[in-house]
Amino acid sequence: MSTRWGVFSPRADGTVGRGETVGADDPFDWRLWAVLVACIALAASITGLHNGFAYDDRWIIAENARVHTLRAPWHLFRETYWPNARGAALYRPMVILVYALQWAVGGGRPLVYHLVNISLYVTLCVMVYWLALQLLPRVAATSAAALFAAHPVHVEAVGNAVGQAELWAACVVLAATALYVRARREGLPLRAGAGTAIAALYAVGMFFKEHVIVLPALFVAVELFVVHDPRPWRERLDECASYLLKLALLATVFLAIRTAVLSDVAGDTPHFSLQGLTMAQRAVVMLGLVPEFGRLLLWPARLYADYSPALVHVHTSWHVELLPGILLLGCTALLAVLCVRRAPRVAFGLAWIAICLLPVANILLPTGILIAERTLLLPSVGAMLAVGVAVGWMVRRLQHEVRAAQLAAGGVFAALVMAGTAHSAERQRTWRDDDHVFETLAFDAPLNFRSHYSLGGRLFEKHRPLEAELQWRTAIALLPGYHAVHIDLAHKYREAHVCQAAIPEYHTGLAIAPASPLARAGLVSCHLELRQWHTARTEARVAIADGMYRRAFDYMIEVADSALVATDSSDGTVRWTGAHRVVKP
């Protein structure tokens, strides 16, 4: 029996011709295997169903008033993703809208969010299978989808409620790409129903997450490595280019709206390791992280909630530790070139990885992360497609081997899928709440300064200051050049009225980052508390000279002057005339 939906026979060179159909497979087969893929995805994620709000969930959902109401939802398209008080901005109004819908349905219970996450993940894994069936033979497609469903690197996107942005974006990209491949295979005009559906998905998807903007680049990769179109190249180019230009117009409109809301294209606070770096320096930093990306995509045995120094090393100029990244990147590029003719579906998978990593590569624009596991959800599709090709090649080779070898190979693959599923299911519990996230991070990555910084902040919230101080001191020892830890610790000392300890930390933080008005205000407050009036006035004047909150620092100067007059202290820079203060030039 033959059908135009599902698996279709690729050509010898790995491309697919227009109008080609499935072989003699029963249409029920793909549904049966799709159910198996869905079951693997469910087994890998169901343990996160009873997770609470953890990490960024707290700021974006639990304590974000915009999520707690559906009143005037159109206003969300004029607001940032992060609350203004958190510093970072970004622009993802559709995600905030679906968060608000889930809050209304569940009354703010995290169960609803995790139920949606798991449902989206199962759907996504089936969609990966749908796309793989259009690119690979059935065995290879099933293998790729099963490995994707069991992949432990997806846990953060599923177990953390705000990972929903990644899931929605990935579903949009997979659906649009599968529709595009199918339309090109069947010779359907892109200006018809399929083209309209893809354009609609693209327009909506960018408002879920900005990473969807790379979709046209994936279509170019489809044209280069997947589709074999017998028409003259000029006719083919004319059709595809005109459609891609329409998508580019949609992307331009989205970027214009985003820039109007954020007053910037990026809208994110760069990771402190990237602040002040040029594009070339950022490229060097990310070159050193290439092996970590490769490990997470292919063998994610160790997972972390954060990747920061000194868990990962940051280099802005040549260092011997950059050599593994150079070798891995060079070998991957060479493999892609060799596969263009011999195994174009592998080249397509590698191109998919590169395209989907581009928004978080920190080269064109710096982001707030160096590496985040949740952002590897979409790139891992390309990795698993390439691995699926390798599995298909091995299966063909084993067809001529003895039965025992075939059973052994099948057992190894099944064990790999089961191990990944078990690891994912166990890792889901890490995202139960903030305590589990931060304690696990500190245990798994004791050399990551942010492990101790985050755990210390949580301990301060739980009124365990001695343990919290130890964690922050450890963070300072691991990364003494990060100003925020010094300043935050100084604030805690000041709140506890231990200004003798706070002042040195303020000075250290301000030496690293002079443009920190809250740190300068805290420093002046400490000097006032210690009755060091002259020093307080001097620090306040420095702040005013640097353009910081003049009204607040003028008030602090008034307090110091009043104290000096009350104690009959003399200050050569102040002359009093009746009730008025005149500062001598």
Protein backbone atom coordinates (compact mmCIF):
# COMPACT_ATOMS: atom_id res chain seq x y z
CA MET A 1 0.00 0.00 0.00
CA SER A 2 1.32 3.45 -0.84
CA THR A 3 0.58 6.79 0.75
CA ARG A 4 1.84 10.33 0.36
CA TRP A 5 1.88 10.96 4.10
CA GLY A 6 4.79 9.86 6.23
CA VAL A 7 7.91 7.97 5.10
CA PHE A 8 8.98 8.41 1.52
CA SER A 9 11.86 6.85 -0.29
CA PRO A 10 14.92 9.12 -0.42
CA ARG A 11 17.12 9.06 -3.46
CA ALA A 12 20.52 7.47 -3.42
CA ASP A 13 22.13 10.82 -2.70
CA GLY A 14 19.85 11.38 0.29
CA THR A 15 17.64 14.03 -1.31
CA VAL A 16 13.95 13.68 -2.01
CA GLY A 17 12.26 14.13 -5.31
CA ARG A 18 8.95 15.91 -5.88
CA GLY A 19 5.92 13.68 -5.73
CA GLU A 20 7.79 10.67 -4.36
CA THR A 21 5.76 8.46 -2.04
CA VAL A 22 6.13 5.92 0.68
CA GLY A 23 7.13 2.36 -0.02
CA ALA A 24 4.99 -0.63 0.87
CA ASP A 25 4.64 0.26 4.56
CA ASP A 26 1.30 -0.12 6.32
CA PRO A 27 -0.01 3.37 7.27
CA PHE A 28 -0.68 2.00 10.76
CA ASP A 29 3.05 1.41 11.30
CA TRP A 30 4.00 5.04 11.67
CA ARG A 31 1.16 5.61 14.16
CA LEU A 32 2.30 2.68 16.26
CA TRP A 33 5.86 3.95 16.39
CA ALA A 34 4.61 7.50 17.05
CA VAL A 35 2.81 6.15 20.12
CA LEU A 36 6.07 4.54 21.24
CA VAL A 37 7.91 7.86 20.85
CA ALA A 38 5.16 9.61 22.81
CA CYS A 39 5.44 7.02 25.59
CA ILE A 40 9.21 7.56 25.86
CA ALA A 41 8.66 11.32 26.06
CA LEU A 42 6.00 10.86 28.73
CA ALA A 43 8.19 8.53 30.78
CA ALA A 44 11.08 11.02 30.59
CA SER A 45 8.96 13.98 31.75
CA ILE A 46 6.06 12.74 33.88
CA THR A 47 8.11 12.90 37.11
CA GLY A 48 8.12 16.69 36.79
CA LEU A 49 4.34 16.91 37.01
CA HIS A 50 4.40 17.81 40.72
CA ASN A 51 7.23 20.34 40.47
CA GLY A 52 6.52 23.76 41.91
CA PHE A 53 7.75 27.15 40.78
CA ALA A 54 11.55 27.29 40.74
CA TYR A 55 14.30 29.64 39.62
CA ASP A 56 12.99 32.10 36.98
CA ASP A 57 9.41 30.84 37.52
CA ARG A 58 9.29 32.96 40.63
CA TRP A 59 9.90 36.29 38.89
CA ILE A 60 8.12 35.63 35.60
CA ILE A 61 5.05 33.76 36.90
CA ALA A 62 4.60 33.49 40.67
CA GLU A 63 5.39 37.14 41.54
CA ASN A 64 4.51 38.79 38.23
CA ALA A 65 1.20 40.65 38.57
CA ARG A 66 0.72 40.78 34.79
CA VAL A 67 0.37 36.99 34.71
CA HIS A 68 -2.31 37.01 37.41
CA THR A 69 -5.01 38.67 35.34
CA LEU A 70 -6.52 38.43 31.87
CA ARG A 71 -7.75 42.00 31.95
CA ALA A 72 -6.75 43.90 28.78
CA PRO A 73 -4.42 41.18 27.43
CA TRP A 74 -3.50 43.32 24.42
CA HIS A 75 -1.41 45.45 26.77
CA LEU A 76 1.02 42.54 27.01
CA PHE A 77 2.18 43.30 23.47
CA ARG A 78 3.45 46.67 24.72
CA GLU A 79 5.37 45.29 27.71
CA THR A 80 8.58 43.41 28.33
CA TYR A 81 8.86 39.73 29.20
CA TRP A 82 10.77 40.27 32.44
CA PRO A 83 9.29 42.58 35.09
CA ASN A 84 11.08 45.93 35.04
CA ALA A 85 12.40 45.42 38.57
CA ARG A 86 14.49 42.43 37.42
CA GLY A 87 16.65 44.43 35.01
CA ALA A 88 16.52 42.14 31.96
CA ALA A 89 13.76 42.81 29.46
CA LEU A 90 13.21 40.59 26.38
CA TYR A 91 9.95 40.51 24.45
CA ARG A 92 7.70 37.41 24.48
CA PRO A 93 4.09 38.60 24.83
CA MET A 94 2.47 35.36 23.63
CA VAL A 95 4.22 33.40 26.37
CA ILE A 96 3.01 35.82 29.04
CA LEU A 97 -0.49 35.52 27.59
CA VAL A 98 -0.52 31.71 27.82
CA TYR A 99 0.93 31.95 31.34
CA ALA A 100 -1.98 34.22 32.26
CA LEU A 101 -4.46 31.75 30.76
CA GLN A 102 -2.96 28.91 32.77
CA TRP A 103 -3.02 31.03 35.94
CA ALA A 104 -6.72 31.69 35.38
CA VAL A 105 -7.45 28.00 34.75
CA GLY A 106 -5.49 26.66 37.70
CA GLY A 107 -5.77 29.51 40.17
CA GLY A 108 -2.00 29.93 40.21
CA ARG A 109 -1.20 26.27 40.89
CA PRO A 110 2.06 25.14 39.28
CA LEU A 111 0.48 21.78 38.41
CA VAL A 112 -1.29 23.34 35.43
CA TYR A 113 1.94 24.79 34.03
CA HIS A 114 3.78 21.48 34.32
CA LEU A 115 0.87 19.60 32.79
CA VAL A 116 1.04 21.93 29.79
CA ASN A 117 4.83 21.55 29.60
CA ILE A 118 4.63 17.77 29.54
CA SER A 119 1.85 17.81 26.96
CA LEU A 120 3.87 20.16 24.75
CA TYR A 121 6.94 17.96 25.09
CA VAL A 122 5.08 14.81 24.07
CA THR A 123 3.60 16.70 21.12
CA LEU A 124 7.01 18.04 20.16
CA CYS A 125 8.57 14.57 20.16
CA VAL A 126 5.84 13.26 17.86
CA MET A 127 6.42 16.26 15.59
CA VAL A 128 10.14 15.44 15.49
CA TYR A 129 9.12 11.95 14.36
CA TRP A 130 6.84 13.45 11.71
CA LEU A 131 9.68 15.59 10.34
CA ALA A 132 12.19 12.73 10.54
CA LEU A 133 9.84 10.47 8.56
CA GLN A 134 9.96 12.99 5.75
CA LEU A 135 13.75 12.96 5.72
CA LEU A 136 14.88 9.46 6.71
CA PRO A 137 13.91 5.81 6.29
CA ARG A 138 11.53 4.57 8.95
CA VAL A 139 14.10 2.85 11.17
CA ALA A 140 16.39 5.88 11.14
CA ALA A 141 13.48 8.27 11.74
CA THR A 142 12.17 6.22 14.64
CA SER A 143 15.63 6.01 16.18
CA ALA A 144 16.15 9.77 15.89
CA ALA A 145 12.77 10.54 17.47
CA ALA A 146 13.24 8.00 20.29
CA LEU A 147 16.66 9.43 21.16
CA PHE A 148 15.22 12.94 21.06
CA ALA A 149 12.37 11.98 23.40
CA ALA A 150 14.79 10.43 25.92
CA HIS A 151 17.41 13.22 25.67
CA PRO A 152 18.31 14.47 29.19
CA VAL A 153 19.33 17.95 27.99
CA HIS A 154 15.63 18.73 27.51
CA VAL A 155 14.84 18.45 31.22
CA GLU A 156 15.30 22.14 32.01
CA ALA A 157 12.89 23.18 29.25
CA VAL A 158 10.26 20.73 30.53
CA GLY A 159 10.79 20.65 34.31
CA ASN A 160 11.03 24.43 34.75
CA ALA A 161 7.68 26.14 34.08
CA VAL A 162 9.17 29.03 32.10
CA GLY A 163 10.80 26.51 29.79
CA GLN A 164 7.43 26.62 28.09
CA ALA A 165 8.76 29.40 25.87
CA GLU A 166 11.27 26.94 24.41
CA LEU A 167 8.59 24.28 23.93
CA TRP A 168 6.14 26.57 22.12
CA ALA A 169 8.91 27.93 19.89
CA ALA A 170 10.18 24.44 19.05
CA CYS A 171 6.68 23.21 18.20
CA VAL A 172 6.21 26.15 15.84
CA VAL A 173 9.56 25.55 14.11
CA LEU A 174 8.99 21.80 13.75
CA ALA A 175 5.45 22.21 12.40
CA ALA A 176 6.47 24.89 9.91
CA THR A 177 9.53 22.96 8.70
CA ALA A 178 7.58 19.72 8.29
CA LEU A 179 4.90 21.57 6.31
CA TYR A 180 7.56 23.19 4.14
CA VAL A 181 9.29 19.88 3.39
CA ARG A 182 5.98 18.23 2.59
CA ALA A 183 4.89 21.09 0.32
CA ARG A 184 8.18 21.03 -1.57
CA ARG A 185 8.07 17.24 -1.88
CA GLU A 186 4.56 17.21 -3.28
CA GLY A 187 5.16 20.19 -5.55
CA LEU A 188 2.56 22.37 -3.86
CA PRO A 189 2.84 26.12 -4.51
CA LEU A 190 4.10 27.97 -1.44
CA ARG A 191 1.62 30.76 -2.01
CA ALA A 192 -1.28 28.33 -1.37
CA GLY A 193 -2.60 26.82 1.86
CA ALA A 194 0.67 25.37 3.13
CA GLY A 195 2.53 28.62 2.53
CA THR A 196 -0.15 30.60 4.36
CA ALA A 197 -0.08 28.21 7.31
CA ILE A 198 3.71 28.42 7.53
CA ALA A 199 3.63 32.22 7.41
CA ALA A 200 1.00 32.30 10.17
CA LEU A 201 3.07 29.96 12.34
CA TYR A 202 6.13 32.12 11.77
CA ALA A 203 4.35 35.36 12.63
CA VAL A 204 2.86 33.99 15.85
CA GLY A 205 5.95 31.98 16.83
CA MET A 206 8.26 34.99 17.00
CA PHE A 207 6.01 36.45 19.70
CA PHE A 208 6.48 33.26 21.71
CA LYS A 209 10.25 33.44 21.49
CA GLU A 210 12.57 35.43 19.28
CA HIS A 211 14.56 32.32 18.26
CA VAL A 212 11.81 31.41 15.79
CA ILE A 213 13.20 34.17 13.57
CA VAL A 214 15.77 31.69 12.15
CA LEU A 215 13.05 29.64 10.42
CA PRO A 216 13.75 30.97 6.88
CA ALA A 217 17.39 29.90 7.26
CA LEU A 218 16.17 26.36 8.00
CA PHE A 219 14.14 26.47 4.79
CA VAL A 220 17.30 27.40 2.87
CA ALA A 221 18.99 24.35 4.41
CA VAL A 222 16.02 22.23 3.26
CA GLU A 223 16.50 23.48 -0.29
CA LEU A 224 20.24 22.81 -0.21
CA PHE A 225 20.34 19.40 1.44
CA VAL A 226 16.90 17.76 1.31
CA VAL A 227 14.80 18.61 -1.73
CA HIS A 228 15.66 17.47 -5.25
CA ASP A 229 13.71 19.67 -7.61
CA PRO A 230 14.08 18.83 -11.34
CA ARG A 231 12.90 22.26 -12.45
CA PRO A 232 15.43 24.79 -13.81
CA TRP A 233 17.23 26.50 -10.96
CA ARG A 234 15.98 29.94 -12.02
CA GLU A 235 12.34 28.86 -11.71
CA ARG A 236 13.04 27.17 -8.40
CA LEU A 237 14.96 30.18 -7.06
CA ASP A 238 12.20 32.55 -8.13
CA GLU A 239 9.53 30.63 -6.21
CA CYS A 240 11.56 30.06 -3.04
CA ALA A 241 13.17 33.50 -2.93
CA SER A 242 9.87 35.32 -3.30
CA TYR A 243 8.38 33.29 -0.44
CA LEU A 244 11.42 33.78 1.78
CA LEU A 245 11.22 37.52 1.14
CA LYS A 246 7.66 37.51 2.47
CA LEU A 247 8.86 35.78 5.62
CA ALA A 248 11.68 38.32 5.88
CA LEU A 249 9.06 41.08 5.79
CA LEU A 250 7.26 39.44 8.73
CA ALA A 251 10.56 39.25 10.61
CA THR A 252 11.21 42.94 9.92
CA VAL A 253 7.81 43.90 11.31
CA PHE A 254 8.45 41.80 14.41
CA LEU A 255 11.88 43.37 14.98
CA ALA A 256 10.38 46.85 14.59
CA ILE A 257 7.73 46.11 17.24
CA ARG A 258 10.31 44.51 19.52
CA THR A 259 12.68 47.47 19.20
CA ALA A 260 9.86 49.92 19.88
CA VAL A 261 9.00 48.12 23.14
CA LEU A 262 12.56 47.42 24.33
CA SER A 263 14.31 50.45 22.80
CA ASP A 264 16.86 47.88 21.66
CA VAL A 265 17.00 44.82 19.43
CA ALA A 266 18.47 42.49 22.06
CA GLY A 267 16.77 43.75 25.20
CA ASP A 268 18.73 41.44 27.46
CA THR A 269 21.29 42.18 30.17
CA PRO A 270 24.50 40.54 28.91
CA HIS A 271 26.14 37.86 30.99
CA PHE A 272 28.79 39.54 33.14
CA SER A 273 31.50 37.54 31.33
CA LEU A 274 30.45 39.19 28.05
CA GLN A 275 29.99 42.78 29.18
CA GLY A 276 32.21 45.24 27.36
CA LEU A 277 33.55 42.65 24.90
CA THR A 278 33.79 43.15 21.16
CA MET A 279 32.21 40.72 18.71
CA ALA A 280 35.61 39.13 18.08
CA GLN A 281 36.24 38.68 21.80
CA ARG A 282 32.81 37.13 22.28
CA ALA A 283 33.55 34.73 19.44
CA VAL A 284 36.73 33.65 21.23
CA VAL A 285 34.79 33.15 24.47
CA MET A 286 32.24 30.93 22.74
CA LEU A 287 34.96 29.03 20.86
CA GLY A 288 36.20 27.79 24.22
CA LEU A 289 32.70 26.51 25.02
CA VAL A 290 32.24 24.48 21.81
CA PRO A 291 33.24 21.16 23.48
CA GLU A 292 30.61 21.74 26.18
CA PHE A 293 27.95 22.29 23.53
CA GLY A 294 29.03 19.09 21.81
CA ARG A 295 28.96 17.12 25.07
CA LEU A 296 25.48 18.33 25.95
CA LEU A 297 24.09 17.48 22.53
CA LEU A 298 25.62 14.00 22.30
CA TRP A 299 26.40 12.75 25.81
CA PRO A 300 24.67 14.84 28.53
CA ALA A 301 25.64 12.65 31.48
CA ARG A 302 26.29 15.71 33.66
CA LEU A 303 23.74 18.52 33.74
CA TYR A 304 23.81 21.88 35.52
CA ALA A 305 21.28 24.63 36.06
CA ASP A 306 23.94 27.23 35.27
CA TYR A 307 27.16 27.38 33.27
CA SER A 308 29.36 30.19 34.55
CA PRO A 309 32.98 30.58 35.70
CA ALA A 310 34.72 28.64 37.05
CA LEU A 311 32.62 25.66 35.94
CA VAL A 312 33.42 26.82 32.41
CA HIS A 313 36.52 28.81 31.59
CA VAL A 314 36.22 32.13 29.80
CA HIS A 315 39.03 33.34 27.54
CA THR A 316 38.92 36.50 25.45
CA SER A 317 42.28 35.91 23.72
CA TRP A 318 44.34 32.92 22.65
CA HIS A 319 44.72 30.18 25.24
CA VAL A 320 45.63 26.53 24.92
CA GLU A 321 42.18 25.61 26.29
CA LEU A 322 40.69 26.93 23.04
CA LEU A 323 42.37 24.15 21.06
CA PRO A 324 39.68 21.45 21.68
CA GLY A 325 36.98 23.86 20.51
CA ILE A 326 38.94 24.71 17.38
CA LEU A 327 39.49 21.03 16.57
CA LEU A 328 35.86 20.06 17.21
CA LEU A 329 34.50 22.97 15.18
CA GLY A 330 36.93 22.26 12.33
CA CYS A 331 36.10 18.53 12.27
CA THR A 332 32.37 19.28 12.30
CA ALA A 333 32.73 21.73 9.41
CA LEU A 334 34.81 19.18 7.47
CA LEU A 335 32.20 16.48 8.13
CA ALA A 336 29.44 18.78 6.87
CA VAL A 337 31.37 19.48 3.65
CA LEU A 338 32.04 15.78 3.06
CA CYS A 339 28.40 14.91 3.68
CA VAL A 340 26.94 17.43 1.24
CA ARG A 341 27.02 14.84 -1.56
CA ARG A 342 27.49 11.54 0.25
CA ALA A 343 24.98 12.00 3.09
CA PRO A 344 23.14 15.31 2.66
CA ARG A 345 20.73 14.52 5.49
CA VAL A 346 23.70 14.58 7.90
CA ALA A 347 24.72 17.94 6.42
CA PHE A 348 21.14 19.12 6.98
CA GLY A 349 21.28 18.03 10.65
CA LEU A 350 24.56 19.85 11.19
CA ALA A 351 23.22 22.96 9.45
CA TRP A 352 20.14 22.77 11.70
CA ILE A 353 22.37 22.78 14.80
CA ALA A 354 24.36 25.79 13.61
CA ILE A 355 21.28 27.79 12.60
CA CYS A 356 19.39 27.12 15.83
CA LEU A 357 22.42 27.91 17.99
CA LEU A 358 22.98 31.25 16.27
CA PRO A 359 20.57 33.29 18.47
CA VAL A 360 22.33 32.11 21.66
CA ALA A 361 25.87 32.02 20.30
CA ASN A 362 26.61 35.49 21.80
CA ILE A 363 28.49 36.53 18.67
CA LEU A 364 26.08 38.81 16.84
CA LEU A 365 24.42 39.96 20.07
CA PRO A 366 25.39 39.19 23.69
CA THR A 367 22.77 37.40 25.77
CA GLY A 368 22.31 36.82 29.49
CA ILE A 369 23.77 33.29 29.32
CA LEU A 370 26.92 31.52 28.22
CA ILE A 371 25.23 28.13 27.98
CA ALA A 372 21.72 27.16 29.06
CA GLU A 373 20.41 23.63 28.63
CA ARG A 374 16.90 24.84 27.79
CA THR A 375 18.22 26.62 24.67
CA LEU A 376 19.55 23.32 23.31
CA LEU A 377 16.06 21.86 22.87
CA LEU A 378 15.76 23.01 19.26
CA PRO A 379 19.42 22.44 18.20
CA SER A 380 19.20 18.87 19.49
CA VAL A 381 16.66 18.12 16.74
CA GLY A 382 19.43 18.49 14.16
CA ALA A 383 21.83 16.44 16.27
CA MET A 384 19.38 13.57 16.57
CA LEU A 385 18.55 13.67 12.85
CA ALA A 386 22.25 13.25 12.08
CA VAL A 387 22.53 10.45 14.63
CA GLY A 388 19.46 8.83 13.07
CA VAL A 389 21.26 8.70 9.73
CA ALA A 390 24.16 6.91 11.44
CA VAL A 391 21.76 4.43 13.07
CA GLY A 392 20.12 3.73 9.70
CA TRP A 393 23.54 3.09 8.16
CA MET A 394 24.39 0.65 10.95
CA VAL A 395 21.07 -1.16 10.52
CA ARG A 396 21.75 -1.67 6.82
CA ARG A 397 25.19 -3.04 7.62
CA LEU A 398 23.80 -5.42 10.23
CA GLN A 399 21.28 -6.89 7.80
CA HIS A 400 24.03 -9.20 6.55
CA GLU A 401 25.32 -10.12 10.00
CA VAL A 402 24.31 -13.05 12.17
CA ARG A 403 21.18 -12.80 14.28
CA ALA A 404 23.18 -12.50 17.50
CA ALA A 405 24.94 -9.35 16.27
CA GLN A 406 21.63 -7.80 15.28
CA LEU A 407 20.10 -8.56 18.68
CA ALA A 408 23.17 -7.18 20.46
CA ALA A 409 23.03 -3.94 18.48
CA GLY A 410 19.30 -3.61 19.17
CA GLY A 411 19.90 -4.24 22.85
CA VAL A 412 22.59 -1.55 23.01
CA PHE A 413 20.25 0.97 21.38
CA ALA A 414 17.36 0.06 23.69
CA ALA A 415 19.65 0.35 26.71
CA LEU A 416 20.79 3.78 25.55
CA VAL A 417 17.20 4.99 25.17
CA MET A 418 16.22 3.56 28.57
CA ALA A 419 19.28 5.12 30.25
CA GLY A 420 18.45 8.51 28.76
CA THR A 421 14.82 8.21 29.79
CA ALA A 422 15.75 7.21 33.35
CA HIS A 423 18.27 10.05 33.63
CA SER A 424 15.70 12.55 32.36
CA ALA A 425 13.01 11.27 34.74
CA GLU A 426 15.36 11.49 37.71
CA ARG A 427 16.64 14.93 36.72
CA GLN A 428 13.10 16.34 36.51
CA ARG A 429 12.90 16.28 40.32
CA THR A 430 15.75 18.79 40.52
CA TRP A 431 13.28 21.50 39.48
CA ARG A 432 10.83 20.90 42.35
CA ASP A 433 11.57 24.26 43.98
CA ASP A 434 14.33 26.79 44.56
CA ASP A 435 15.88 24.79 47.39
CA HIS A 436 16.36 21.71 45.24
CA VAL A 437 17.67 23.72 42.27
CA PHE A 438 20.27 25.67 44.23
CA GLU A 439 21.36 22.84 46.51
CA THR A 440 21.76 20.49 43.56
CA LEU A 441 23.68 23.12 41.63
CA ALA A 442 26.07 23.71 44.53
CA PHE A 443 26.57 19.96 44.95
CA ASP A 444 27.00 19.18 41.24
CA ALA A 445 29.12 22.23 40.39
CA PRO A 446 31.07 23.30 43.51
CA LEU A 447 33.47 25.37 41.37
CA ASN A 448 30.70 27.38 39.74
CA PHE A 449 30.59 30.71 41.55
CA ARG A 450 26.89 31.15 40.71
CA SER A 451 26.11 27.90 42.53
CA HIS A 452 27.15 29.51 45.79
CA TYR A 453 25.84 32.96 44.88
CA SER A 454 22.34 31.62 44.17
CA LEU A 455 22.30 29.30 47.17
CA GLY A 456 23.48 32.12 49.43
CA GLY A 457 20.65 34.35 48.23
CA ARG A 458 18.15 31.59 48.96
CA LEU A 459 19.58 31.07 52.45
CA PHE A 460 19.32 34.79 53.21
CA GLU A 461 15.63 34.62 52.20
CA LYS A 462 15.21 31.74 54.67
CA HIS A 463 16.83 33.83 57.44
CA ARG A 464 19.95 31.69 57.72
CA PRO A 465 22.54 34.47 57.48
CA LEU A 466 25.62 32.60 58.71
CA GLU A 467 25.24 29.84 56.11
CA ALA A 468 24.35 32.42 53.46
CA GLU A 469 27.42 34.52 54.23
CA LEU A 470 29.63 31.45 53.88
CA GLN A 471 28.15 30.71 50.45
CA TRP A 472 28.70 34.26 49.25
CA ARG A 473 32.23 34.31 50.60
CA THR A 474 32.86 31.12 48.65
CA ALA A 475 31.43 32.76 45.52
CA ILE A 476 33.77 35.73 46.02
CA ALA A 477 36.75 33.40 46.42
CA LEU A 478 35.85 31.63 43.17
CA LEU A 479 35.28 34.83 41.19
CA PRO A 480 36.56 37.92 43.05
CA GLY A 481 36.11 40.16 40.02
CA TYR A 482 32.29 40.02 39.99
CA HIS A 483 31.00 43.21 41.58
CA ALA A 484 27.42 42.12 42.34
CA VAL A 485 28.38 39.61 45.04
CA HIS A 486 30.45 42.20 46.91
CA ILE A 487 27.67 44.77 46.72
CA ASP A 488 24.92 42.33 47.70
CA LEU A 489 26.95 41.13 50.68
CA ALA A 490 27.57 44.74 51.69
CA HIS A 491 23.81 45.41 51.56
CA LYS A 492 23.20 42.45 53.87
CA TYR A 493 25.84 43.69 56.32
CA ARG A 494 24.29 47.16 56.29
CA GLU A 495 20.80 45.75 56.88
CA ALA A 496 22.23 43.93 59.89
CA HIS A 497 23.85 47.22 61.04
CA VAL A 498 27.36 45.83 60.65
CA CYS A 499 28.64 48.73 58.60
CA GLN A 500 32.26 48.14 59.54
CA ALA A 501 32.10 44.98 57.43
CA ALA A 502 29.89 46.52 54.73
CA ILE A 503 32.13 49.48 53.85
CA PRO A 504 35.09 47.41 52.52
CA GLU A 505 32.71 45.34 50.37
CA TYR A 506 31.11 48.49 48.98
CA HIS A 507 34.54 49.87 48.09
CA THR A 508 35.53 46.62 46.38
CA GLY A 509 32.30 46.50 44.38
CA LEU A 510 32.58 50.15 43.35
CA ALA A 511 36.20 49.69 42.32
CA ILE A 512 35.02 47.01 39.87
CA ALA A 513 31.81 48.75 38.76
CA PRO A 514 31.89 52.49 39.64
CA ALA A 515 28.50 53.22 38.03
CA SER A 516 26.48 51.50 40.77
CA PRO A 517 24.22 54.11 42.40
CA LEU A 518 22.67 51.70 44.92
CA ALA A 519 26.13 50.66 46.09
CA ARG A 520 27.15 54.31 46.49
CA ALA A 521 23.93 55.05 48.36
CA GLY A 522 24.54 52.10 50.66
CA LEU A 523 28.09 53.28 51.29
CA VAL A 524 26.92 56.80 52.20
CA SER A 525 24.21 55.34 54.47
CA CYS A 526 26.84 53.31 56.31
CA HIS A 527 29.03 56.35 56.87
CA LEU A 528 26.00 58.23 58.19
CA GLU A 529 25.16 55.35 60.52
CA LEU A 530 28.75 55.37 61.83
CA ARG A 531 28.53 59.17 62.29
CA GLN A 532 31.31 59.72 59.78
CA TRP A 533 29.72 62.90 58.49
CA HIS A 534 32.59 64.30 56.44
CA THR A 535 33.19 61.02 54.61
CA ALA A 536 29.47 60.64 53.95
CA ARG A 537 29.33 64.10 52.40
CA THR A 538 32.36 63.37 50.23
CA GLU A 539 30.93 60.09 48.92
CA ALA A 540 27.58 61.75 48.20
CA ARG A 541 29.30 64.50 46.24
CA VAL A 542 31.14 61.88 44.19
CA ALA A 543 27.82 60.26 43.39
CA ILE A 544 26.29 63.58 42.30
CA ALA A 545 29.33 64.32 40.15
CA ASP A 546 28.84 60.94 38.47
CA GLY A 547 25.24 61.83 37.64
CA MET A 548 23.55 59.56 40.19
CA TYR A 549 20.17 60.36 41.78
CA ARG A 550 20.96 63.95 42.76
CA ARG A 551 17.87 64.47 44.93
CA ALA A 552 18.64 61.41 47.10
CA PHE A 553 22.28 62.29 47.58
CA ASP A 554 21.45 65.97 48.24
CA TYR A 555 19.23 64.74 51.06
CA MET A 556 22.09 62.66 52.47
CA ILE A 557 24.34 65.73 52.37
CA GLU A 558 21.67 67.70 54.25
CA VAL A 559 21.56 64.98 56.93
CA ALA A 560 25.34 65.08 57.32
CA ASP A 561 25.41 68.90 57.45
CA SER A 562 22.65 68.98 60.06
CA ALA A 563 24.60 66.53 62.19
CA LEU A 564 27.77 68.58 61.83
CA VAL A 565 25.96 71.75 62.95
CA ALA A 566 24.27 69.94 65.83
CA THR A 567 27.64 68.77 67.13
CA ASP A 568 29.30 72.14 66.52
CA SER A 569 31.64 70.54 64.04
CA SER A 570 33.39 72.77 61.56
CA ASP A 571 33.57 72.05 57.88
CA GLY A 572 35.66 74.40 55.76
CA THR A 573 33.54 73.80 52.71
CA VAL A 574 30.27 74.93 54.32
CA ARG A 575 29.29 78.41 55.42
CA TRP A 576 25.97 78.86 57.22
CA THR A 577 23.91 82.01 56.85
CA GLY A 578 20.89 81.90 59.12
CA ALA A 579 18.86 78.87 58.16
CA HIS A 580 20.54 78.42 54.79
CA ARG A 581 23.55 76.36 53.74
CA VAL A 582 25.94 77.82 51.20
CA VAL A 583 28.61 75.58 49.67
CA LYS A 584 31.80 77.49 48.93
CA PRO A 585 33.15 77.09 45.41
